Amino acid sequence: KKDIVVEALQRLQCDPHIKEEGEGLFAIDFEFQAKRFYLKVDESCAFTTLYDTYWYSFDSTDIEQFSLVKRIINDINWRGQVNLCYNNSEENGMTHVHTQASLLCIEEVNYVSYLRHILRECFIANNEFFRKFAESSVIEG
């Protein structure tokens, strides 16, 4: 799987940085259209997982913003091909928003086209999040 992923990234003109995390487990960092992503690869699994992390953060004690972000994430996830998620950091009191997608990684799939499509979907979901956030802020503000 790692070789399929690395070849696809190189064909997309990305410079993959590979870190072995265990036997058959790899984290691959790369930049695509000036944005940092990473892929988790498990050689024993047919799927890879793409992450775009920490692209929006806010104070976890801001209940109104938390509610709005949660509504927007649920709406986007309902219709999208990638998943938005969030986590609360007790260390700094912030909530962080991320994008995640699972991709089938087998020889029979054109992984280059598939990855390009999912990366595009990450940008679409990100833009949709900020569009809905701005609209809601105008409506509620």
N, C-alpha and C. Protein backbone atom coordinates (compact mmCIF):
# COMPACT_ATOMS: atom_id res chain seq x y z
N LYS A 1 0.82 -1.20 0.00
CA LYS A 1 0.00 0.00 0.00
C LYS A 1 0.87 1.27 0.00
N LYS A 2 1.91 1.24 0.80
CA LYS A 2 2.78 2.42 0.88
C LYS A 2 3.32 2.80 -0.49
N ASP A 3 3.72 1.83 -1.28
CA ASP A 3 4.28 2.11 -2.60
C ASP A 3 3.22 2.72 -3.53
N ILE A 4 1.99 2.25 -3.44
CA ILE A 4 0.89 2.81 -4.24
C ILE A 4 0.67 4.27 -3.86
N VAL A 5 0.66 4.54 -2.57
CA VAL A 5 0.43 5.90 -2.06
C VAL A 5 1.57 6.82 -2.49
N VAL A 6 2.80 6.40 -2.30
CA VAL A 6 3.95 7.24 -2.65
C VAL A 6 3.96 7.53 -4.14
N GLU A 7 3.72 6.52 -4.96
CA GLU A 7 3.68 6.74 -6.41
C GLU A 7 2.58 7.72 -6.79
N ALA A 8 1.41 7.58 -6.20
CA ALA A 8 0.29 8.49 -6.49
C ALA A 8 0.66 9.92 -6.09
N LEU A 9 1.24 10.10 -4.93
CA LEU A 9 1.63 11.44 -4.48
C LEU A 9 2.66 12.05 -5.41
N GLN A 10 3.61 11.27 -5.84
CA GLN A 10 4.62 11.78 -6.76
C GLN A 10 3.99 12.16 -8.09
N ARG A 11 3.03 11.39 -8.54
CA ARG A 11 2.34 11.72 -9.80
C ARG A 11 1.48 12.98 -9.66
N LEU A 12 1.08 13.28 -8.42
CA LEU A 12 0.35 14.52 -8.15
C LEU A 12 1.31 15.67 -7.83
N GLN A 13 2.58 15.45 -8.08
CA GLN A 13 3.65 16.42 -7.87
C GLN A 13 3.80 16.83 -6.41
N CYS A 14 3.58 15.87 -5.52
CA CYS A 14 3.78 16.08 -4.09
C CYS A 14 5.11 15.44 -3.70
N ASP A 15 5.67 15.94 -2.61
CA ASP A 15 6.91 15.40 -2.08
C ASP A 15 6.61 14.67 -0.77
N PRO A 16 6.34 13.36 -0.84
CA PRO A 16 5.94 12.64 0.38
C PRO A 16 7.10 12.44 1.35
N HIS A 17 6.81 12.63 2.62
CA HIS A 17 7.76 12.38 3.70
C HIS A 17 7.22 11.21 4.51
N ILE A 18 7.94 10.11 4.52
CA ILE A 18 7.46 8.86 5.10
C ILE A 18 8.08 8.64 6.47
N LYS A 19 7.22 8.31 7.43
CA LYS A 19 7.68 7.98 8.77
C LYS A 19 7.10 6.62 9.13
N GLU A 20 7.99 5.68 9.45
CA GLU A 20 7.51 4.36 9.87
C GLU A 20 7.11 4.44 11.33
N GLU A 21 5.88 3.97 11.61
CA GLU A 21 5.35 4.05 12.97
C GLU A 21 5.25 2.68 13.64
N GLY A 22 5.66 1.68 12.95
CA GLY A 22 5.59 0.31 13.46
C GLY A 22 5.69 -0.63 12.27
N GLU A 23 5.62 -1.90 12.54
CA GLU A 23 5.73 -2.87 11.46
C GLU A 23 4.55 -2.75 10.50
N GLY A 24 4.84 -2.30 9.28
CA GLY A 24 3.79 -2.15 8.27
C GLY A 24 2.90 -0.94 8.45
N LEU A 25 3.25 -0.04 9.37
CA LEU A 25 2.45 1.16 9.64
C LEU A 25 3.28 2.39 9.26
N PHE A 26 2.67 3.27 8.46
CA PHE A 26 3.38 4.44 7.98
C PHE A 26 2.50 5.68 8.07
N ALA A 27 3.14 6.81 8.38
CA ALA A 27 2.51 8.13 8.29
C ALA A 27 3.24 8.85 7.16
N ILE A 28 2.48 9.36 6.21
CA ILE A 28 3.07 10.02 5.06
C ILE A 28 2.55 11.45 5.01
N ASP A 29 3.46 12.40 5.26
CA ASP A 29 3.13 13.82 5.20
C ASP A 29 3.41 14.33 3.79
N PHE A 30 2.56 15.26 3.34
CA PHE A 30 2.79 15.87 2.04
C PHE A 30 2.02 17.18 1.95
N GLU A 31 2.43 17.99 0.99
CA GLU A 31 1.75 19.25 0.74
C GLU A 31 1.07 19.15 -0.63
N PHE A 32 -0.18 19.61 -0.68
CA PHE A 32 -0.93 19.63 -1.93
C PHE A 32 -1.63 20.98 -2.02
N GLN A 33 -1.36 21.71 -3.07
CA GLN A 33 -1.91 23.05 -3.27
C GLN A 33 -1.72 23.92 -2.03
N ALA A 34 -0.50 23.93 -1.53
CA ALA A 34 -0.08 24.77 -0.40
C ALA A 34 -0.76 24.41 0.92
N LYS A 35 -1.29 23.22 1.03
CA LYS A 35 -1.94 22.77 2.26
C LYS A 35 -1.31 21.46 2.70
N ARG A 36 -1.08 21.31 3.99
CA ARG A 36 -0.42 20.13 4.55
C ARG A 36 -1.46 19.06 4.86
N PHE A 37 -1.20 17.84 4.38
CA PHE A 37 -2.04 16.67 4.64
C PHE A 37 -1.14 15.55 5.14
N TYR A 38 -1.77 14.51 5.69
CA TYR A 38 -1.01 13.29 5.92
C TYR A 38 -1.92 12.08 5.75
N LEU A 39 -1.29 10.99 5.35
CA LEU A 39 -1.97 9.72 5.13
C LEU A 39 -1.42 8.68 6.10
N LYS A 40 -2.30 7.91 6.69
CA LYS A 40 -1.91 6.76 7.50
C LYS A 40 -2.07 5.53 6.63
N VAL A 41 -1.03 4.72 6.57
CA VAL A 41 -1.03 3.51 5.76
C VAL A 41 -0.73 2.33 6.66
N ASP A 42 -1.60 1.33 6.58
CA ASP A 42 -1.41 0.06 7.28
C ASP A 42 -1.34 -1.02 6.21
N GLU A 43 -0.18 -1.62 6.04
CA GLU A 43 0.02 -2.61 4.98
C GLU A 43 -0.95 -3.79 5.09
N SER A 44 -1.51 -4.03 6.26
CA SER A 44 -2.42 -5.17 6.44
C SER A 44 -3.88 -4.80 6.17
N CYS A 45 -4.14 -3.55 5.79
CA CYS A 45 -5.51 -3.07 5.60
C CYS A 45 -5.69 -2.57 4.17
N ALA A 46 -6.87 -2.75 3.61
CA ALA A 46 -7.15 -2.32 2.25
C ALA A 46 -7.42 -0.82 2.15
N PHE A 47 -7.50 -0.13 3.29
CA PHE A 47 -7.82 1.30 3.29
C PHE A 47 -6.66 2.12 3.84
N THR A 48 -6.52 3.32 3.32
CA THR A 48 -5.64 4.33 3.88
C THR A 48 -6.52 5.43 4.44
N THR A 49 -5.99 6.22 5.34
CA THR A 49 -6.78 7.31 5.93
C THR A 49 -6.06 8.62 5.70
N LEU A 50 -6.78 9.56 5.11
CA LEU A 50 -6.26 10.90 4.82
C LEU A 50 -6.72 11.86 5.90
N TYR A 51 -5.81 12.72 6.35
CA TYR A 51 -6.12 13.72 7.37
C TYR A 51 -5.67 15.11 6.93
N ASP A 52 -6.52 16.07 7.21
CA ASP A 52 -6.19 17.50 7.13
C ASP A 52 -6.53 18.04 8.51
N THR A 53 -5.53 18.31 9.31
CA THR A 53 -5.77 18.57 10.73
C THR A 53 -5.60 20.04 11.12
N TYR A 54 -6.29 20.39 12.19
CA TYR A 54 -6.15 21.68 12.87
C TYR A 54 -6.33 22.88 11.94
N TRP A 55 -7.32 22.84 11.07
CA TRP A 55 -7.51 23.98 10.16
C TRP A 55 -8.49 25.01 10.70
N TYR A 56 -9.12 24.71 11.82
CA TYR A 56 -9.93 25.73 12.50
C TYR A 56 -9.91 25.40 13.99
N SER A 57 -9.74 26.42 14.83
CA SER A 57 -9.72 26.23 16.28
C SER A 57 -10.48 27.36 16.95
N PHE A 58 -11.07 27.05 18.09
CA PHE A 58 -11.78 28.07 18.87
C PHE A 58 -11.79 27.67 20.34
N ASP A 59 -12.11 28.61 21.18
CA ASP A 59 -12.15 28.40 22.63
C ASP A 59 -13.27 27.41 22.97
N SER A 60 -12.92 26.34 23.65
CA SER A 60 -13.89 25.29 23.99
C SER A 60 -15.00 25.77 24.92
N THR A 61 -14.79 26.87 25.61
CA THR A 61 -15.82 27.37 26.53
C THR A 61 -16.85 28.23 25.82
N ASP A 62 -16.64 28.52 24.54
CA ASP A 62 -17.59 29.33 23.77
C ASP A 62 -18.72 28.42 23.28
N ILE A 63 -19.75 28.29 24.10
CA ILE A 63 -20.85 27.35 23.84
C ILE A 63 -21.60 27.69 22.55
N GLU A 64 -21.82 28.98 22.29
CA GLU A 64 -22.51 29.36 21.05
C GLU A 64 -21.72 28.94 19.82
N GLN A 65 -20.42 29.20 19.83
CA GLN A 65 -19.60 28.82 18.69
C GLN A 65 -19.52 27.30 18.57
N PHE A 66 -19.42 26.61 19.70
CA PHE A 66 -19.36 25.16 19.68
C PHE A 66 -20.63 24.59 19.04
N SER A 67 -21.76 25.12 19.43
CA SER A 67 -23.04 24.67 18.87
C SER A 67 -23.12 24.92 17.37
N LEU A 68 -22.69 26.10 16.95
CA LEU A 68 -22.69 26.44 15.53
C LEU A 68 -21.75 25.53 14.74
N VAL A 69 -20.56 25.33 15.23
CA VAL A 69 -19.58 24.47 14.54
C VAL A 69 -20.12 23.05 14.44
N LYS A 70 -20.71 22.56 15.50
CA LYS A 70 -21.27 21.20 15.50
C LYS A 70 -22.38 21.07 14.45
N ARG A 71 -23.26 22.06 14.38
CA ARG A 71 -24.34 22.05 13.37
C ARG A 71 -23.77 22.05 11.96
N ILE A 72 -22.78 22.90 11.72
CA ILE A 72 -22.17 23.00 10.38
C ILE A 72 -21.49 21.68 10.02
N ILE A 73 -20.74 21.12 10.94
CA ILE A 73 -20.06 19.85 10.69
C ILE A 73 -21.07 18.76 10.36
N ASN A 74 -22.13 18.66 11.14
CA ASN A 74 -23.15 17.64 10.87
C ASN A 74 -23.78 17.83 9.50
N ASP A 75 -24.05 19.05 9.12
CA ASP A 75 -24.65 19.34 7.81
C ASP A 75 -23.71 18.95 6.67
N ILE A 76 -22.45 19.30 6.80
CA ILE A 76 -21.47 18.98 5.75
C ILE A 76 -21.25 17.46 5.68
N ASN A 77 -21.15 16.81 6.82
CA ASN A 77 -20.94 15.36 6.83
C ASN A 77 -22.10 14.60 6.21
N TRP A 78 -23.28 15.12 6.35
CA TRP A 78 -24.48 14.48 5.80
C TRP A 78 -24.40 14.38 4.28
N ARG A 79 -23.80 15.38 3.65
CA ARG A 79 -23.77 15.45 2.19
C ARG A 79 -22.42 15.19 1.55
N GLY A 80 -21.36 15.19 2.34
CA GLY A 80 -20.02 15.17 1.78
C GLY A 80 -19.42 13.80 1.59
N GLN A 81 -18.28 13.78 0.94
CA GLN A 81 -17.53 12.54 0.72
C GLN A 81 -16.35 12.42 1.67
N VAL A 82 -16.11 13.46 2.44
CA VAL A 82 -15.10 13.43 3.50
C VAL A 82 -15.82 13.77 4.81
N ASN A 83 -15.19 13.46 5.91
CA ASN A 83 -15.80 13.72 7.22
C ASN A 83 -15.05 14.83 7.94
N LEU A 84 -15.83 15.76 8.48
CA LEU A 84 -15.26 16.76 9.38
C LEU A 84 -15.47 16.24 10.79
N CYS A 85 -14.50 16.50 11.64
CA CYS A 85 -14.61 16.09 13.03
C CYS A 85 -13.90 17.13 13.89
N TYR A 86 -14.07 17.02 15.19
CA TYR A 86 -13.41 17.96 16.08
C TYR A 86 -12.94 17.21 17.32
N ASN A 87 -11.99 17.82 18.00
CA ASN A 87 -11.56 17.29 19.29
C ASN A 87 -11.32 18.47 20.23
N ASN A 88 -11.50 18.20 21.50
CA ASN A 88 -11.26 19.20 22.54
C ASN A 88 -9.92 18.93 23.18
N SER A 89 -9.09 19.95 23.24
CA SER A 89 -7.78 19.82 23.87
C SER A 89 -7.85 20.37 25.28
N GLU A 90 -7.69 19.49 26.25
CA GLU A 90 -7.69 19.93 27.64
C GLU A 90 -6.43 20.74 27.96
N GLU A 91 -5.36 20.50 27.18
CA GLU A 91 -4.09 21.20 27.42
C GLU A 91 -4.22 22.71 27.23
N ASN A 92 -4.92 23.12 26.16
CA ASN A 92 -4.99 24.55 25.87
C ASN A 92 -6.42 25.10 25.86
N GLY A 93 -7.42 24.26 26.19
CA GLY A 93 -8.79 24.72 26.26
C GLY A 93 -9.40 25.07 24.91
N MET A 94 -8.84 24.50 23.84
CA MET A 94 -9.32 24.81 22.48
C MET A 94 -10.00 23.58 21.88
N THR A 95 -10.91 23.85 20.96
CA THR A 95 -11.52 22.81 20.14
C THR A 95 -10.95 22.98 18.74
N HIS A 96 -10.54 21.87 18.13
CA HIS A 96 -9.89 21.89 16.82
C HIS A 96 -10.73 21.11 15.82
N VAL A 97 -10.83 21.63 14.59
CA VAL A 97 -11.59 20.97 13.53
C VAL A 97 -10.62 20.35 12.53
N HIS A 98 -10.97 19.15 12.07
CA HIS A 98 -10.13 18.38 11.16
C HIS A 98 -11.00 17.78 10.05
N THR A 99 -10.34 17.34 8.98
CA THR A 99 -11.00 16.60 7.92
C THR A 99 -10.35 15.22 7.85
N GLN A 100 -11.18 14.20 7.58
CA GLN A 100 -10.69 12.83 7.52
C GLN A 100 -11.45 12.10 6.42
N ALA A 101 -10.74 11.20 5.71
CA ALA A 101 -11.37 10.36 4.70
C ALA A 101 -10.65 9.03 4.61
N SER A 102 -11.40 7.97 4.41
CA SER A 102 -10.83 6.64 4.19
C SER A 102 -10.86 6.36 2.71
N LEU A 103 -9.74 5.86 2.19
CA LEU A 103 -9.62 5.59 0.76
C LEU A 103 -9.25 4.13 0.53
N LEU A 104 -9.97 3.47 -0.35
CA LEU A 104 -9.63 2.11 -0.74
C LEU A 104 -8.32 2.14 -1.50
N CYS A 105 -7.39 1.31 -1.09
CA CYS A 105 -6.05 1.32 -1.69
C CYS A 105 -5.70 -0.11 -2.14
N ILE A 106 -6.17 -0.45 -3.33
CA ILE A 106 -5.88 -1.76 -3.91
C ILE A 106 -5.44 -1.54 -5.35
N GLU A 107 -4.78 -2.53 -5.92
CA GLU A 107 -4.24 -2.43 -7.27
C GLU A 107 -5.31 -2.09 -8.31
N GLU A 108 -6.53 -2.56 -8.11
CA GLU A 108 -7.61 -2.39 -9.09
C GLU A 108 -8.17 -0.97 -9.14
N VAL A 109 -7.82 -0.14 -8.18
CA VAL A 109 -8.34 1.22 -8.11
C VAL A 109 -7.27 2.20 -8.62
N ASN A 110 -7.67 3.14 -9.44
CA ASN A 110 -6.76 4.20 -9.89
C ASN A 110 -6.58 5.17 -8.72
N TYR A 111 -5.59 4.89 -7.90
CA TYR A 111 -5.40 5.64 -6.66
C TYR A 111 -5.06 7.10 -6.91
N VAL A 112 -4.40 7.41 -8.01
CA VAL A 112 -4.06 8.80 -8.32
C VAL A 112 -5.33 9.63 -8.50
N SER A 113 -6.23 9.15 -9.35
CA SER A 113 -7.50 9.87 -9.58
C SER A 113 -8.35 9.92 -8.33
N TYR A 114 -8.38 8.81 -7.62
CA TYR A 114 -9.17 8.71 -6.40
C TYR A 114 -8.65 9.70 -5.35
N LEU A 115 -7.35 9.71 -5.14
CA LEU A 115 -6.75 10.62 -4.16
C LEU A 115 -6.96 12.08 -4.58
N ARG A 116 -6.76 12.38 -5.85
CA ARG A 116 -6.98 13.75 -6.34
C ARG A 116 -8.43 14.19 -6.06
N HIS A 117 -9.36 13.29 -6.32
CA HIS A 117 -10.78 13.60 -6.07
C HIS A 117 -11.04 13.86 -4.58
N ILE A 118 -10.51 13.02 -3.72
CA ILE A 118 -10.74 13.19 -2.28
C ILE A 118 -10.06 14.44 -1.75
N LEU A 119 -8.88 14.74 -2.25
CA LEU A 119 -8.22 15.99 -1.85
C LEU A 119 -9.07 17.19 -2.26
N ARG A 120 -9.63 17.14 -3.46
CA ARG A 120 -10.54 18.20 -3.91
C ARG A 120 -11.74 18.31 -2.96
N GLU A 121 -12.26 17.17 -2.55
CA GLU A 121 -13.40 17.17 -1.62
C GLU A 121 -13.03 17.77 -0.27
N CYS A 122 -11.78 17.61 0.16
CA CYS A 122 -11.33 18.24 1.40
C CYS A 122 -11.39 19.76 1.28
N PHE A 123 -10.94 20.28 0.15
CA PHE A 123 -11.00 21.73 -0.06
C PHE A 123 -12.45 22.21 -0.13
N ILE A 124 -13.30 21.44 -0.79
CA ILE A 124 -14.71 21.81 -0.89
C ILE A 124 -15.35 21.84 0.50
N ALA A 125 -15.10 20.82 1.31
CA ALA A 125 -15.67 20.77 2.66
C ALA A 125 -15.15 21.92 3.52
N ASN A 126 -13.87 22.21 3.40
CA ASN A 126 -13.27 23.31 4.14
C ASN A 126 -13.92 24.64 3.75
N ASN A 127 -14.04 24.89 2.46
CA ASN A 127 -14.67 26.12 1.97
C ASN A 127 -16.13 26.20 2.39
N GLU A 128 -16.82 25.07 2.32
CA GLU A 128 -18.23 25.03 2.72
C GLU A 128 -18.38 25.35 4.21
N PHE A 129 -17.48 24.84 5.02
CA PHE A 129 -17.50 25.13 6.45
C PHE A 129 -17.42 26.63 6.69
N PHE A 130 -16.44 27.28 6.07
CA PHE A 130 -16.25 28.71 6.29
C PHE A 130 -17.39 29.54 5.68
N ARG A 131 -17.95 29.07 4.57
CA ARG A 131 -19.09 29.77 3.97
C ARG A 131 -20.29 29.71 4.91
N LYS A 132 -20.60 28.53 5.41
CA LYS A 132 -21.73 28.37 6.33
C LYS A 132 -21.48 29.12 7.65
N PHE A 133 -20.24 29.10 8.09
CA PHE A 133 -19.90 29.81 9.32
C PHE A 133 -20.14 31.31 9.14
N ALA A 134 -19.68 31.86 8.02
CA ALA A 134 -19.86 33.29 7.74
C ALA A 134 -21.35 33.61 7.61
N GLU A 135 -22.10 32.79 6.90
CA GLU A 135 -23.54 33.02 6.75
C GLU A 135 -24.25 33.00 8.10
N SER A 136 -23.92 32.03 8.93
CA SER A 136 -24.55 31.92 10.25
C SER A 136 -24.18 33.08 11.14
N SER A 137 -22.94 33.53 11.06
CA SER A 137 -22.51 34.66 11.86
C SER A 137 -23.24 35.93 11.46
N VAL A 138 -23.48 36.10 10.15
CA VAL A 138 -24.22 37.27 9.67
C VAL A 138 -25.67 37.18 10.12
N ILE A 139 -26.27 36.00 9.99
CA ILE A 139 -27.68 35.81 10.36
C ILE A 139 -27.87 35.98 11.85
N GLU A 140 -26.98 35.36 12.65
CA GLU A 140 -27.13 35.41 14.10
C GLU A 140 -26.59 36.68 14.71
N GLY A 141 -25.66 37.36 13.99
CA GLY A 141 -25.01 38.55 14.52
C GLY A 141 -25.83 39.74 14.22
